[in-house]
Amino acid sequence: MNKKKVVIGMSGGVDSSVAAALLIEQGHEVHGVYLECYNEPGCRTDQDKADALKVAIKLGIPFKVLDFRKEYKEKVVEYFYREYEAGRTPNPDVMCNKEIKFGIFYDWAISHGYDFVATGHYCRIVGDKLQRARDMSKDQSYFLWQIPRDHLEHILFPLGNMLKSEVRDKAKELGLPTASKPDSMGICFIGEVDVHKLLKDKLGEKPGLVVLSSELCTIGTHKGLWFFTIGQRGGWSIAPKMQKSDMGPLYVIGKNKENNQLIVGTRDETMTNEFRIHSSTFTQMASLEKLWVRIRNLGEFIEVESLSSLSSGKCEVKLKEKIFGVAEGQSAVLYNEEGLVFGGGIIGGRVPSNKNVTLSVF
């Protein structure tokens, strides 16, 4: 590859630090940028920004900070609350990659004359498709499925063919300040947070009934549907008269938003092999491939039996085996046997059954 002008998003972590160093070794003109998207008390922004600057100084590359706090609040934070309030389970990392890193940051970079945008994501690009990373335990392709395909020719993922252990070793070899820094966890740009507290502070509480699916009766109360996701075990209050009964482990299997009811049942009732997606990005060519689906980051790959188009951007997915905890609002990402991403969609819920639930009250 000829020398190109590359801007890399530097998060202040070891991955983007090594990615920047590799690009320099490849002979590119590299500029570092820290995206300031969230800076509230208790978050890691100031430390991460300082660490990113230290790495840029060590590598001898230009460095600047872009303030995207307004855009991040509008496009990611408000989406996060809006989805929970609607009874769905959002994926802010998918939205952040789509709207911020490979949305407004990508647009900024191209408009400022950069040939490529790079990040420290563990992912590969093959032609016009993403491919899962060599390090399967760190693969981030699931979070990146909404990147427009025409953007991929201007994106670099230098770590796609590396193991995390190799990245750490490289950072130590180069003496990078972030070589031993722990990996960041939690929500993109925010970090580890108490989601329950965030939701309570923003949305408050809205008590309602908990319904046991198999007995068609209420067994307790909850403090708000937004505190729960499909497959979650516990978190609600059991009515006194029900506490001595042996109901076994119970999981969230559904929500009745109209009546503010949380529907619970056995683990088996959380399992399904059919669900619908919308906002899908795959083409009809996907139907010619043998495909597998992931419904969560680093989740298991389940083979697809069929894809049935319902209407524009909507599809029904049928799997060859059942999968646990299909949550409305999450992403379903399709891969072929080589790990190439053939697209994805937003889960719109299970294929509805004909079961009618009539409630009795304790």
Foldseek 3Di string as FASTA:
>chain_A
DDAFEEEEAQQLALLQLLVQVVSVVVPYQYAYEYEQADDDPPFCRVVSVVSSVQSCVLSVHHYDYDYCNVVCCVFQVVVCLVQLQVLFHAASLLRCLQPPQLNPVVVVCVVVPGQAYEYSAQWDDDQLWIFFAPALVRTDVQSHQNRHSVRVSRYDHSCRDDHPVVSLVSCVVSVRPNSPPDDFDDHPSGTDDDVVVVNCVPPNWDKDFEAEFVVLETFFMAGASSVFWFFAWDDTDGDPVCPPDCQDTKTFQDADVVRRYTYIYDQVSQKDQKFKFFQKDADPVVQVAFKWKDQDRSHDTFTWPGWADDDVRMIMTGTPTIDGGRTANTKIWMAGPRRITRIIGGTHTGDDDPDDRHYDYD
